[in-house]
Amino acid sequence: MAEIIAAPVRIPVPGGKTIDEYAGHVASGDAAVSIAHMVAPAGWDEPAQTPEFDEFTVVLKGSIEVETDGGVLTVAAGQAIITRAGERIRYTTTEGAEYVAVCLPAFAPDLAHREE
């Protein structure tokens, strides 16, 4: 049966970034997929990770930098990037960004394998 998601669940993260999850472990109990709207301030970064999920990211405003073993890719507003499970990646933003991320299977901290 169709279901309207009236409001996302805000997931607290450090560094001034906001994550509003519409579907996933926290918002809907789904393990197969997560969908989140994110806003990252200028200068935001996070530790590198080697996730167990594919991530499809669509940048709506600003740009994100995605560091991989092959180099750094800049993804601007109107563009998207796909990162694959098992690939070491690190997300940062110089100017700030607003984007939507879809993870298959759903994002979970224990599946991200972030470097500390």
Protein backbone atom coordinates (compact mmCIF):
# COMPACT_ATOMS: atom_id res chain seq x y z
CA MET A 1 0.00 0.00 0.00
CA ALA A 2 1.25 3.50 -0.81
CA GLU A 3 2.41 5.54 2.16
CA ILE A 4 3.13 9.27 2.41
CA ILE A 5 6.21 10.20 4.40
CA ALA A 6 4.92 13.29 6.20
CA ALA A 7 8.27 14.35 7.62
CA PRO A 8 11.83 13.02 7.59
CA VAL A 9 13.77 12.02 10.68
CA ARG A 10 16.66 14.38 11.48
CA ILE A 11 19.79 12.36 12.21
CA PRO A 12 22.32 14.22 14.36
CA VAL A 13 25.85 14.43 13.00
CA PRO A 14 28.82 16.61 13.98
CA GLY A 15 30.28 19.42 11.91
CA GLY A 16 27.14 21.40 11.10
CA LYS A 17 25.82 18.99 8.46
CA THR A 18 22.13 18.07 8.54
CA ILE A 19 20.76 14.71 7.45
CA ASP A 20 17.01 14.30 7.00
CA GLU A 21 16.23 10.64 6.35
CA TYR A 22 13.01 9.90 4.46
CA ALA A 23 13.50 6.15 4.19
CA GLY A 24 15.98 3.81 5.80
CA HIS A 25 16.82 2.14 9.08
CA VAL A 26 15.86 5.14 11.25
CA ALA A 27 12.95 6.73 9.38
CA SER A 28 11.03 3.75 8.04
CA GLY A 29 12.75 0.60 9.29
CA ASP A 30 13.87 -0.30 5.76
CA ALA A 31 17.16 -2.15 5.40
CA ALA A 32 17.05 -2.42 1.60
CA VAL A 33 17.32 1.30 0.77
CA SER A 34 17.85 4.66 2.42
CA ILE A 35 16.97 8.08 1.01
CA ALA A 36 18.25 11.21 2.71
CA HIS A 37 18.38 14.96 2.04
CA MET A 38 21.61 16.52 3.26
CA VAL A 39 22.95 20.04 3.70
CA ALA A 40 26.66 20.44 4.37
CA PRO A 41 28.23 23.81 5.24
CA ALA A 42 31.30 25.23 3.53
CA GLY A 43 34.46 23.49 4.76
CA TRP A 44 32.63 20.35 5.90
CA ASP A 45 34.37 16.98 5.67
CA GLU A 46 34.07 13.49 7.07
CA PRO A 47 36.46 10.58 7.57
CA ALA A 48 37.17 8.23 4.69
CA GLN A 49 35.00 5.13 4.57
CA THR A 50 34.78 1.84 2.72
CA PRO A 51 31.03 1.18 2.79
CA GLU A 52 29.16 -2.06 2.18
CA PHE A 53 26.56 -0.19 0.11
CA ASP A 54 26.32 1.56 -3.24
CA GLU A 55 25.57 5.28 -2.90
CA PHE A 56 23.83 7.39 -5.55
CA THR A 57 24.23 11.11 -4.83
CA VAL A 58 22.48 13.95 -6.68
CA VAL A 59 23.83 17.44 -5.94
CA LEU A 60 21.08 20.09 -5.85
CA LYS A 61 23.13 23.17 -4.83
CA GLY A 62 26.83 23.89 -4.45
CA SER A 63 29.27 21.03 -4.99
CA ILE A 64 30.87 18.10 -3.19
CA GLU A 65 34.32 16.65 -3.60
CA VAL A 66 34.56 12.87 -3.58
CA GLU A 67 38.03 11.53 -2.87
CA THR A 68 38.70 8.03 -4.19
CA ASP A 69 41.87 6.00 -4.64
CA GLY A 70 41.82 7.26 -8.24
CA GLY A 71 41.74 10.97 -7.34
CA VAL A 72 39.25 13.65 -6.38
CA LEU A 73 36.04 14.19 -8.34
CA THR A 74 34.06 17.43 -8.01
CA VAL A 75 30.31 16.94 -8.38
CA ALA A 76 28.46 20.20 -9.07
CA ALA A 77 24.79 21.12 -8.80
CA GLY A 78 22.83 19.26 -11.46
CA GLN A 79 25.28 16.35 -11.49
CA ALA A 80 25.31 12.99 -9.73
CA ILE A 81 27.87 10.41 -8.70
CA ILE A 82 27.67 6.70 -8.00
CA THR A 83 30.11 5.13 -5.57
CA ARG A 84 30.21 1.36 -5.27
CA ALA A 85 30.33 -0.90 -2.23
CA GLY A 86 33.89 -1.73 -1.24
CA GLU A 87 35.34 1.46 -2.74
CA ARG A 88 37.27 3.74 -0.35
CA ILE A 89 35.72 7.20 -0.51
CA ARG A 90 35.75 10.48 1.40
CA TYR A 91 33.24 13.31 1.00
CA THR A 92 34.08 16.98 1.56
CA THR A 93 32.76 20.34 0.41
CA THR A 94 34.65 23.57 -0.01
CA GLU A 95 31.70 25.84 -0.81
CA GLY A 96 28.86 23.95 0.88
CA ALA A 97 26.29 21.70 -0.74
CA GLU A 98 22.73 20.44 -0.69
CA TYR A 99 22.23 16.93 -2.00
CA VAL A 100 20.16 13.75 -1.93
CA ALA A 101 21.75 10.38 -1.26
CA VAL A 102 20.25 6.97 -1.96
CA CYS A 103 22.05 3.95 -0.47
CA LEU A 104 21.54 0.31 -1.48
CA PRO A 105 21.34 -1.44 0.95
CA ALA A 106 20.33 1.24 3.45
CA PHE A 107 22.99 3.30 5.18
CA ALA A 108 23.93 2.14 8.67
CA PRO A 109 26.95 3.35 10.64
CA ASP A 110 28.28 -0.20 11.03
CA LEU A 111 28.13 -0.68 7.24
CA ALA A 112 30.06 2.53 6.46
CA HIS A 113 33.38 1.35 7.93
CA ARG A 114 34.60 4.90 8.61
CA GLU A 115 38.28 5.42 9.34
CA GLU A 116 38.91 7.00 12.72
